[in-house]
């Protein structure tokens, strides 16, 4: 399975920080935000990954992440000229996807704990998979209603009277029909191709499943100043209490078997002296 990351958007809710750099390049404690969704895909065993961003920000992502060789993955890139909706990423990534299933993750979504993406990647056959995360204010999100077997009963975008408390995080798994389905979507009132409409296409055909995330999983949407601070505080707390780093890509790559001990040692040797390098040397045995 292949992976796509959407790191576009204007980042208006983070103004004036977004004047300095892309939302997905802001610091979440000790790492750029984009490290976290990238780690989510890598931990699920996904090694071919395509990043989509704005014309201004894409060169920075290419400089920060490179071609992915240092982590034993293949990274490629495309431009989203203007914010055109999450589902537009599916169209932009058409050539990358080809006839393969893929996972799409938003660049400002942080997951910690078991989410089951690795299980979906290993056993995926067809259709689409979304996740549901219990929140206190579902009116702010896309909301999914599911039954005990994981079948989706309904999806609504920011409903006034939600049918459940399960928000839909920015993580999706699709088969290759997602591209043709996205081509049939009409822009919403705000001129964007909505991901809820794409998911509805699968639902109408009985091809949409959902998994509910439990209490041992944390989902953070880091698109506002408050949630960005909350994310940093959460990561700092986890790292301090447990003694390991969240989304250390070198460690993830090594533990997943994407790189050998010699390869990861070369990557560490190229790092400047820093607490991050010291952690990598200790965690990986460099």
C-alpha atoms as a PDB file:
ATOM      1  CA  UNK A   1       0.000   0.000   0.000  1.00  0.00           C
ATOM      2  CA  UNK A   2       1.132   3.532  -0.762  1.00  0.00           C
ATOM      3  CA  UNK A   3       0.719   6.627   1.372  1.00  0.00           C
ATOM      4  CA  UNK A   4      -0.122  10.262   0.763  1.00  0.00           C
ATOM      5  CA  UNK A   5       0.249  13.243   3.081  1.00  0.00           C
ATOM      6  CA  UNK A   6      -1.631  16.478   2.464  1.00  0.00           C
ATOM      7  CA  UNK A   7       0.306  19.393   3.895  1.00  0.00           C
ATOM      8  CA  UNK A   8      -1.393  22.261   2.098  1.00  0.00           C
ATOM      9  CA  UNK A   9      -3.879  24.890   3.141  1.00  0.00           C
ATOM     10  CA  UNK A  10      -3.357  28.508   4.036  1.00  0.00           C
ATOM     11  CA  UNK A  11      -3.002  27.934   7.779  1.00  0.00           C
ATOM     12  CA  UNK A  12      -5.100  30.999   8.499  1.00  0.00           C
ATOM     13  CA  UNK A  13      -5.992  29.854  12.006  1.00  0.00           C
ATOM     14  CA  UNK A  14      -2.291  29.926  12.888  1.00  0.00           C
ATOM     15  CA  UNK A  15      -1.673  33.469  11.657  1.00  0.00           C
ATOM     16  CA  UNK A  16       0.823  35.103  12.131  1.00  0.00           C
ATOM     17  CA  UNK A  17       2.859  31.905  12.703  1.00  0.00           C
ATOM     18  CA  UNK A  18       1.797  30.744   9.250  1.00  0.00           C
ATOM     19  CA  UNK A  19       3.567  33.793   7.812  1.00  0.00           C
ATOM     20  CA  UNK A  20       6.857  32.216   8.884  1.00  0.00           C
ATOM     21  CA  UNK A  21       6.347  28.661   7.649  1.00  0.00           C
ATOM     22  CA  UNK A  22       3.709  26.126   6.707  1.00  0.00           C
ATOM     23  CA  UNK A  23       1.387  24.911   9.431  1.00  0.00           C
ATOM     24  CA  UNK A  24       2.759  21.399   9.005  1.00  0.00           C
ATOM     25  CA  UNK A  25       6.315  22.642   9.559  1.00  0.00           C
ATOM     26  CA  UNK A  26       5.536  24.279  12.897  1.00  0.00           C
ATOM     27  CA  UNK A  27       7.226  22.749  15.930  1.00  0.00           C
ATOM     28  CA  UNK A  28       5.298  20.186  17.937  1.00  0.00           C
ATOM     29  CA  UNK A  29       7.588  20.099  20.960  1.00  0.00           C
ATOM     30  CA  UNK A  30      10.937  18.989  19.496  1.00  0.00           C
ATOM     31  CA  UNK A  31      10.079  18.000  15.927  1.00  0.00           C
ATOM     32  CA  UNK A  32       8.355  19.495  12.864  1.00  0.00           C
ATOM     33  CA  UNK A  33       4.658  18.637  12.811  1.00  0.00           C
ATOM     34  CA  UNK A  34       5.021  16.655   9.589  1.00  0.00           C
ATOM     35  CA  UNK A  35       7.201  14.062  11.382  1.00  0.00           C
ATOM     36  CA  UNK A  36       4.173  12.745  13.270  1.00  0.00           C
ATOM     37  CA  UNK A  37       1.901  11.753  10.348  1.00  0.00           C
ATOM     38  CA  UNK A  38       4.971  10.477   8.503  1.00  0.00           C
ATOM     39  CA  UNK A  39       5.762   8.251  11.480  1.00  0.00           C
ATOM     40  CA  UNK A  40       2.155   6.996  11.460  1.00  0.00           C
ATOM     41  CA  UNK A  41       2.488   5.812   7.863  1.00  0.00           C
ATOM     42  CA  UNK A  42       5.927   4.316   8.405  1.00  0.00           C
ATOM     43  CA  UNK A  43       4.840   2.433  11.520  1.00  0.00           C
ATOM     44  CA  UNK A  44       2.092   0.830   9.427  1.00  0.00           C
ATOM     45  CA  UNK A  45       4.723  -0.473   7.012  1.00  0.00           C
ATOM     46  CA  UNK A  46       4.127   2.074   4.247  1.00  0.00           C
ATOM     47  CA  UNK A  47       7.343   2.960   2.411  1.00  0.00           C
ATOM     48  CA  UNK A  48       6.186   4.752  -0.768  1.00  0.00           C
ATOM     49  CA  UNK A  49       4.866   8.156   0.302  1.00  0.00           C
ATOM     50  CA  UNK A  50       3.765  11.213  -1.665  1.00  0.00           C
ATOM     51  CA  UNK A  51       3.567  14.656  -0.047  1.00  0.00           C
ATOM     52  CA  UNK A  52       1.333  17.400  -1.427  1.00  0.00           C
ATOM     53  CA  UNK A  53       1.789  21.037  -0.450  1.00  0.00           C
ATOM     54  CA  UNK A  54       1.602  24.613  -1.717  1.00  0.00           C
ATOM     55  CA  UNK A  55       4.042  26.056  -4.283  1.00  0.00           C
ATOM     56  CA  UNK A  56       5.687  28.233  -1.601  1.00  0.00           C
ATOM     57  CA  UNK A  57       6.100  25.482   1.002  1.00  0.00           C
ATOM     58  CA  UNK A  58       6.936  22.446  -1.119  1.00  0.00           C
ATOM     59  CA  UNK A  59      10.649  23.325  -1.549  1.00  0.00           C
ATOM     60  CA  UNK A  60      10.989  23.556   2.245  1.00  0.00           C
ATOM     61  CA  UNK A  61       9.437  20.113   2.722  1.00  0.00           C
ATOM     62  CA  UNK A  62      11.831  18.743   0.100  1.00  0.00           C
ATOM     63  CA  UNK A  63      14.772  20.272   1.959  1.00  0.00           C
ATOM     64  CA  UNK A  64      13.615  19.036   5.377  1.00  0.00           C
ATOM     65  CA  UNK A  65      12.617  15.504   4.341  1.00  0.00           C
ATOM     66  CA  UNK A  66      14.603  14.834   1.174  1.00  0.00           C
ATOM     67  CA  UNK A  67      13.885  11.711  -0.812  1.00  0.00           C
ATOM     68  CA  UNK A  68      13.376   9.603   2.320  1.00  0.00           C
ATOM     69  CA  UNK A  69      16.406   7.398   1.672  1.00  0.00           C
ATOM     70  CA  UNK A  70      17.784   8.105   5.141  1.00  0.00           C
ATOM     71  CA  UNK A  71      14.702   6.374   6.578  1.00  0.00           C
ATOM     72  CA  UNK A  72      14.542   3.583   4.016  1.00  0.00           C
ATOM     73  CA  UNK A  73      11.471   5.006   2.305  1.00  0.00           C
ATOM     74  CA  UNK A  74      10.718   6.725  -1.004  1.00  0.00           C
ATOM     75  CA  UNK A  75       9.346  10.274  -0.780  1.00  0.00           C
ATOM     76  CA  UNK A  76       7.948  12.142  -3.765  1.00  0.00           C
ATOM     77  CA  UNK A  77       6.164  15.471  -4.031  1.00  0.00           C
ATOM     78  CA  UNK A  78       3.410  17.369  -5.845  1.00  0.00           C
ATOM     79  CA  UNK A  79       2.009  20.887  -5.711  1.00  0.00           C
ATOM     80  CA  UNK A  80      -1.524  21.868  -4.743  1.00  0.00           C
ATOM     81  CA  UNK A  81      -1.709  25.296  -6.416  1.00  0.00           C
ATOM     82  CA  UNK A  82      -4.572  26.540  -4.240  1.00  0.00           C
ATOM     83  CA  UNK A  83      -6.467  25.114  -1.248  1.00  0.00           C
ATOM     84  CA  UNK A  84      -8.990  22.963  -3.091  1.00  0.00           C
ATOM     85  CA  UNK A  85     -10.143  20.525  -0.431  1.00  0.00           C
ATOM     86  CA  UNK A  86      -8.828  17.283   0.992  1.00  0.00           C
ATOM     87  CA  UNK A  87     -10.394  15.182  -1.756  1.00  0.00           C
ATOM     88  CA  UNK A  88      -8.457  17.188  -4.354  1.00  0.00           C
ATOM     89  CA  UNK A  89      -5.306  15.517  -3.023  1.00  0.00           C
ATOM     90  CA  UNK A  90      -6.604  12.236  -4.441  1.00  0.00           C
ATOM     91  CA  UNK A  91      -6.722  13.778  -7.909  1.00  0.00           C
ATOM     92  CA  UNK A  92      -3.313  15.409  -7.565  1.00  0.00           C
ATOM     93  CA  UNK A  93      -1.833  12.071  -6.521  1.00  0.00           C
ATOM     94  CA  UNK A  94      -3.469  10.099  -9.338  1.00  0.00           C
ATOM     95  CA  UNK A  95      -0.208   9.230 -11.102  1.00  0.00           C
ATOM     96  CA  UNK A  96       1.428   8.254  -7.815  1.00  0.00           C
ATOM     97  CA  UNK A  97      -1.500   6.061  -6.766  1.00  0.00           C
ATOM     98  CA  UNK A  98      -1.857   4.270 -10.086  1.00  0.00           C
ATOM     99  CA  UNK A  99      -3.880   1.115  -9.522  1.00  0.00           C
ATOM    100  CA  UNK A 100      -2.748   0.680  -5.911  1.00  0.00           C
ATOM    101  CA  UNK A 101      -4.689   1.158  -2.661  1.00  0.00           C
ATOM    102  CA  UNK A 102      -3.416   4.012  -0.538  1.00  0.00           C
ATOM    103  CA  UNK A 103      -3.668   5.689   2.832  1.00  0.00           C
ATOM    104  CA  UNK A 104      -4.214   9.441   3.005  1.00  0.00           C
ATOM    105  CA  UNK A 105      -3.265  11.326   6.162  1.00  0.00           C
ATOM    106  CA  UNK A 106      -3.485  15.037   6.906  1.00  0.00           C
ATOM    107  CA  UNK A 107      -0.243  16.708   7.848  1.00  0.00           C
ATOM    108  CA  UNK A 108      -1.646  18.317  11.001  1.00  0.00           C
ATOM    109  CA  UNK A 109      -3.055  15.132  12.536  1.00  0.00           C
ATOM    110  CA  UNK A 110      -1.130  13.471  15.358  1.00  0.00           C
ATOM    111  CA  UNK A 111      -1.939   9.972  16.605  1.00  0.00           C
ATOM    112  CA  UNK A 112      -0.433   8.268  19.629  1.00  0.00           C
ATOM    113  CA  UNK A 113      -1.338   4.751  20.599  1.00  0.00           C
ATOM    114  CA  UNK A 114      -2.803   1.834  18.639  1.00  0.00           C
ATOM    115  CA  UNK A 115      -4.927   2.927  15.687  1.00  0.00           C
ATOM    116  CA  UNK A 116      -4.905  -0.292  13.663  1.00  0.00           C
ATOM    117  CA  UNK A 117      -3.554   1.216  10.445  1.00  0.00           C
ATOM    118  CA  UNK A 118      -0.973  -1.566  10.231  1.00  0.00           C
ATOM    119  CA  UNK A 119      -3.761  -4.141  10.388  1.00  0.00           C
ATOM    120  CA  UNK A 120      -5.706  -2.380   7.631  1.00  0.00           C
ATOM    121  CA  UNK A 121      -2.602  -2.119   5.456  1.00  0.00           C
ATOM    122  CA  UNK A 122      -1.852  -5.826   5.862  1.00  0.00           C
ATOM    123  CA  UNK A 123      -5.388  -7.041   5.220  1.00  0.00           C
ATOM    124  CA  UNK A 124      -6.927  -4.391   2.968  1.00  0.00           C
ATOM    125  CA  UNK A 125      -8.767  -5.677  -0.094  1.00  0.00           C
ATOM    126  CA  UNK A 126     -11.160  -3.028  -1.368  1.00  0.00           C
ATOM    127  CA  UNK A 127     -13.471  -0.170  -0.440  1.00  0.00           C
ATOM    128  CA  UNK A 128     -12.589   2.521   2.078  1.00  0.00           C
ATOM    129  CA  UNK A 129     -11.804   2.726   5.783  1.00  0.00           C
ATOM    130  CA  UNK A 130     -12.193   5.697   8.116  1.00  0.00           C
ATOM    131  CA  UNK A 131     -11.787   6.074  11.862  1.00  0.00           C
ATOM    132  CA  UNK A 132     -14.012   7.497  14.579  1.00  0.00           C
ATOM    133  CA  UNK A 133     -12.681   9.271  17.657  1.00  0.00           C
ATOM    134  CA  UNK A 134     -14.959  10.235  20.592  1.00  0.00           C
ATOM    135  CA  UNK A 135     -15.035  13.984  21.229  1.00  0.00           C
ATOM    136  CA  UNK A 136     -17.060  16.297  23.445  1.00  0.00           C
ATOM    137  CA  UNK A 137     -17.931  18.714  20.628  1.00  0.00           C
ATOM    138  CA  UNK A 138     -18.698  16.636  17.518  1.00  0.00           C
ATOM    139  CA  UNK A 139     -20.470  19.618  15.941  1.00  0.00           C
ATOM    140  CA  UNK A 140     -17.032  20.916  14.943  1.00  0.00           C
ATOM    141  CA  UNK A 141     -16.130  17.871  12.863  1.00  0.00           C
ATOM    142  CA  UNK A 142     -17.233  15.384  10.313  1.00  0.00           C
ATOM    143  CA  UNK A 143     -19.195  12.833  12.353  1.00  0.00           C
ATOM    144  CA  UNK A 144     -19.556   9.114  11.669  1.00  0.00           C
ATOM    145  CA  UNK A 145     -22.265   6.844  13.077  1.00  0.00           C
ATOM    146  CA  UNK A 146     -21.354   3.160  13.182  1.00  0.00           C
ATOM    147  CA  UNK A 147     -22.880  -0.049  14.462  1.00  0.00           C
ATOM    148  CA  UNK A 148     -21.210  -2.723  16.580  1.00  0.00           C
ATOM    149  CA  UNK A 149     -19.759  -4.477  13.516  1.00  0.00           C
ATOM    150  CA  UNK A 150     -18.063  -1.343  12.215  1.00  0.00           C
ATOM    151  CA  UNK A 151     -20.560  -0.742   9.432  1.00  0.00           C
ATOM    152  CA  UNK A 152     -21.121   2.941   8.749  1.00  0.00           C
ATOM    153  CA  UNK A 153     -24.701   4.088   9.191  1.00  0.00           C
ATOM    154  CA  UNK A 154     -24.195   7.763   8.376  1.00  0.00           C
ATOM    155  CA  UNK A 155     -21.633  10.520   7.869  1.00  0.00           C
ATOM    156  CA  UNK A 156     -22.370  14.193   8.408  1.00  0.00           C
ATOM    157  CA  UNK A 157     -20.200  17.268   8.080  1.00  0.00           C
ATOM    158  CA  UNK A 158     -20.388  19.515  11.162  1.00  0.00           C
ATOM    159  CA  UNK A 159     -24.007  18.595  12.027  1.00  0.00           C
ATOM    160  CA  UNK A 160     -26.064  20.714  14.405  1.00  0.00           C
ATOM    161  CA  UNK A 161     -27.494  17.558  15.974  1.00  0.00           C
ATOM    162  CA  UNK A 162     -24.836  14.840  15.730  1.00  0.00           C
ATOM    163  CA  UNK A 163     -25.998  11.230  15.625  1.00  0.00           C
ATOM    164  CA  UNK A 164     -22.874  10.144  17.506  1.00  0.00           C
ATOM    165  CA  UNK A 165     -19.874  11.611  19.306  1.00  0.00           C
ATOM    166  CA  UNK A 166     -17.374  10.090  16.853  1.00  0.00           C
ATOM    167  CA  UNK A 167     -15.379  12.662  14.926  1.00  0.00           C
ATOM    168  CA  UNK A 168     -13.622  11.526  11.742  1.00  0.00           C
ATOM    169  CA  UNK A 169      -9.854  12.148  12.054  1.00  0.00           C
ATOM    170  CA  UNK A 170      -7.732  12.992   9.047  1.00  0.00           C
ATOM    171  CA  UNK A 171      -6.758   9.409   8.206  1.00  0.00           C
ATOM    172  CA  UNK A 172      -8.317   7.394   5.396  1.00  0.00           C
ATOM    173  CA  UNK A 173      -7.634   4.195   3.449  1.00  0.00           C
ATOM    174  CA  UNK A 174      -8.936   3.873  -0.108  1.00  0.00           C
ATOM    175  CA  UNK A 175      -8.847   1.457  -2.985  1.00  0.00           C
ATOM    176  CA  UNK A 176      -7.949   2.678  -6.464  1.00  0.00           C
ATOM    177  CA  UNK A 177     -11.555   3.623  -7.307  1.00  0.00           C
ATOM    178  CA  UNK A 178     -11.091   6.692  -5.088  1.00  0.00           C
ATOM    179  CA  UNK A 179      -9.564   8.564  -8.028  1.00  0.00           C
ATOM    180  CA  UNK A 180     -12.500   8.004 -10.376  1.00  0.00           C
ATOM    181  CA  UNK A 181     -14.920   8.772  -7.542  1.00  0.00           C
ATOM    182  CA  UNK A 182     -13.106  12.033  -6.764  1.00  0.00           C
ATOM    183  CA  UNK A 183     -13.377  13.044 -10.415  1.00  0.00           C
ATOM    184  CA  UNK A 184     -17.166  12.865 -10.132  1.00  0.00           C
ATOM    185  CA  UNK A 185     -17.378  15.157  -7.091  1.00  0.00           C
ATOM    186  CA  UNK A 186     -18.790  18.662  -7.405  1.00  0.00           C
ATOM    187  CA  UNK A 187     -17.158  21.487  -5.455  1.00  0.00           C
ATOM    188  CA  UNK A 188     -18.916  22.484  -2.248  1.00  0.00           C
ATOM    189  CA  UNK A 189     -20.267  25.943  -1.500  1.00  0.00           C
ATOM    190  CA  UNK A 190     -16.782  26.965  -0.417  1.00  0.00           C
ATOM    191  CA  UNK A 191     -15.350  25.821  -3.751  1.00  0.00           C
ATOM    192  CA  UNK A 192     -13.559  22.715  -2.478  1.00  0.00           C
ATOM    193  CA  UNK A 193     -13.767  18.980  -3.081  1.00  0.00           C
ATOM    194  CA  UNK A 194     -14.894  17.645   0.273  1.00  0.00           C
ATOM    195  CA  UNK A 195     -13.538  14.437   1.733  1.00  0.00           C
ATOM    196  CA  UNK A 196     -16.937  13.737   3.309  1.00  0.00           C
ATOM    197  CA  UNK A 197     -18.448  13.625  -0.188  1.00  0.00           C
ATOM    198  CA  UNK A 198     -15.809  11.118  -1.281  1.00  0.00           C
ATOM    199  CA  UNK A 199     -16.527   8.969   1.768  1.00  0.00           C
ATOM    200  CA  UNK A 200     -20.251   9.226   1.030  1.00  0.00           C
ATOM    201  CA  UNK A 201     -19.604   7.796  -2.431  1.00  0.00           C
ATOM    202  CA  UNK A 202     -18.151   4.665  -0.832  1.00  0.00           C
ATOM    203  CA  UNK A 203     -20.959   4.572   1.746  1.00  0.00           C
ATOM    204  CA  UNK A 204     -23.694   4.667  -0.906  1.00  0.00           C
ATOM    205  CA  UNK A 205     -22.090   1.655  -2.579  1.00  0.00           C
ATOM    206  CA  UNK A 206     -21.783  -0.203   0.712  1.00  0.00           C
ATOM    207  CA  UNK A 207     -17.987  -0.020   0.525  1.00  0.00           C
ATOM    208  CA  UNK A 208     -17.185   2.057   3.621  1.00  0.00           C
ATOM    209  CA  UNK A 209     -16.031   0.689   6.970  1.00  0.00           C
ATOM    210  CA  UNK A 210     -15.108   2.501  10.167  1.00  0.00           C
ATOM    211  CA  UNK A 211     -13.031   1.658  13.208  1.00  0.00           C
ATOM    212  CA  UNK A 212     -13.574   3.325  16.576  1.00  0.00           C
ATOM    213  CA  UNK A 213     -10.465   4.480  18.413  1.00  0.00           C
ATOM    214  CA  UNK A 214     -10.357   3.600  22.100  1.00  0.00           C
ATOM    215  CA  UNK A 215      -9.262   5.361  25.254  1.00  0.00           C
ATOM    216  CA  UNK A 216      -5.688   4.140  24.855  1.00  0.00           C
ATOM    217  CA  UNK A 217      -5.328   6.246  21.705  1.00  0.00           C
ATOM    218  CA  UNK A 218      -4.882  10.002  21.476  1.00  0.00           C
ATOM    219  CA  UNK A 219      -5.746  12.057  18.405  1.00  0.00           C
ATOM    220  CA  UNK A 220      -4.629  15.662  18.174  1.00  0.00           C
ATOM    221  CA  UNK A 221      -5.583  18.055  15.373  1.00  0.00           C
ATOM    222  CA  UNK A 222      -2.882  20.707  15.582  1.00  0.00           C
ATOM    223  CA  UNK A 223      -4.443  23.403  13.415  1.00  0.00           C
ATOM    224  CA  UNK A 224      -4.982  26.151  16.003  1.00  0.00           C
ATOM    225  CA  UNK A 225      -2.711  27.942  18.460  1.00  0.00           C
ATOM    226  CA  UNK A 226      -4.430  26.182  21.361  1.00  0.00           C
ATOM    227  CA  UNK A 227      -4.241  22.708  19.826  1.00  0.00           C
ATOM    228  CA  UNK A 228      -0.650  23.287  18.717  1.00  0.00           C
ATOM    229  CA  UNK A 229       0.315  24.084  22.308  1.00  0.00           C
ATOM    230  CA  UNK A 230      -1.723  21.140  23.566  1.00  0.00           C
ATOM    231  CA  UNK A 231       0.071  18.834  21.134  1.00  0.00           C
ATOM    232  CA  UNK A 232       3.497  20.071  22.220  1.00  0.00           C
ATOM    233  CA  UNK A 233       2.622  19.656  25.883  1.00  0.00           C
ATOM    234  CA  UNK A 234       1.268  16.157  25.253  1.00  0.00           C
ATOM    235  CA  UNK A 235       4.377  15.013  23.379  1.00  0.00           C
ATOM    236  CA  UNK A 236       6.665  16.558  25.997  1.00  0.00           C
ATOM    237  CA  UNK A 237       4.780  14.779  28.761  1.00  0.00           C
ATOM    238  CA  UNK A 238       4.869  11.387  27.018  1.00  0.00           C
ATOM    239  CA  UNK A 239       8.564  11.685  26.271  1.00  0.00           C
ATOM    240  CA  UNK A 240       9.453  12.768  29.796  1.00  0.00           C
ATOM    241  CA  UNK A 241       7.355  10.112  31.523  1.00  0.00           C
ATOM    242  CA  UNK A 242       8.314   7.203  29.268  1.00  0.00           C
ATOM    243  CA  UNK A 243      11.864   8.005  28.248  1.00  0.00           C
ATOM    244  CA  UNK A 244      11.319   7.598  24.520  1.00  0.00           C
ATOM    245  CA  UNK A 245      10.691  10.061  21.723  1.00  0.00           C
ATOM    246  CA  UNK A 246       7.435  10.175  19.826  1.00  0.00           C
ATOM    247  CA  UNK A 247       7.873  10.074  16.039  1.00  0.00           C
ATOM    248  CA  UNK A 248      11.653   9.774  15.962  1.00  0.00           C
ATOM    249  CA  UNK A 249      11.829   8.770  12.305  1.00  0.00           C
ATOM    250  CA  UNK A 250      15.312   7.258  12.575  1.00  0.00           C
ATOM    251  CA  UNK A 251      14.153   4.999  15.393  1.00  0.00           C
ATOM    252  CA  UNK A 252      10.947   4.079  13.557  1.00  0.00           C
ATOM    253  CA  UNK A 253      12.870   3.220  10.387  1.00  0.00           C
ATOM    254  CA  UNK A 254      15.357   1.069  12.311  1.00  0.00           C
ATOM    255  CA  UNK A 255      12.720  -0.804  14.315  1.00  0.00           C
ATOM    256  CA  UNK A 256      10.632  -1.413  11.189  1.00  0.00           C
ATOM    257  CA  UNK A 257      13.659  -2.899   9.439  1.00  0.00           C
ATOM    258  CA  UNK A 258      13.670  -0.213   6.746  1.00  0.00           C
ATOM    259  CA  UNK A 259      17.360   0.559   7.407  1.00  0.00           C
ATOM    260  CA  UNK A 260      20.290  -1.440   8.710  1.00  0.00           C
ATOM    261  CA  UNK A 261      22.343  -0.535  11.747  1.00  0.00           C
ATOM    262  CA  UNK A 262      25.117   0.764   9.487  1.00  0.00           C
ATOM    263  CA  UNK A 263      22.702   2.900   7.469  1.00  0.00           C
ATOM    264  CA  UNK A 264      21.093   4.495  10.509  1.00  0.00           C
ATOM    265  CA  UNK A 265      24.551   5.073  12.013  1.00  0.00           C
ATOM    266  CA  UNK A 266      25.527   7.074   8.925  1.00  0.00           C
ATOM    267  CA  UNK A 267      22.376   9.167   9.277  1.00  0.00           C
ATOM    268  CA  UNK A 268      23.106   9.857  12.923  1.00  0.00           C
ATOM    269  CA  UNK A 269      26.717  10.779  12.103  1.00  0.00           C
ATOM    270  CA  UNK A 270      25.438  13.463   9.725  1.00  0.00           C
ATOM    271  CA  UNK A 271      23.404  15.160  12.478  1.00  0.00           C
ATOM    272  CA  UNK A 272      24.727  18.165  14.380  1.00  0.00           C
ATOM    273  CA  UNK A 273      25.414  17.718  18.075  1.00  0.00           C
ATOM    274  CA  UNK A 274      22.020  18.026  19.723  1.00  0.00           C
ATOM    275  CA  UNK A 275      19.710  16.311  22.228  1.00  0.00           C
ATOM    276  CA  UNK A 276      17.961  14.650  19.264  1.00  0.00           C
ATOM    277  CA  UNK A 277      21.233  13.102  18.068  1.00  0.00           C
ATOM    278  CA  UNK A 278      22.090  11.999  21.593  1.00  0.00           C
ATOM    279  CA  UNK A 279      18.722  10.267  21.870  1.00  0.00           C
ATOM    280  CA  UNK A 280      19.177   8.502  18.526  1.00  0.00           C
ATOM    281  CA  UNK A 281      22.636   7.292  19.529  1.00  0.00           C
ATOM    282  CA  UNK A 282      21.262   5.901  22.794  1.00  0.00           C
ATOM    283  CA  UNK A 283      18.047   4.439  21.382  1.00  0.00           C
ATOM    284  CA  UNK A 284      19.592   2.820  18.333  1.00  0.00           C
ATOM    285  CA  UNK A 285      22.961   1.994  19.798  1.00  0.00           C
ATOM    286  CA  UNK A 286      25.057   4.287  17.648  1.00  0.00           C
END
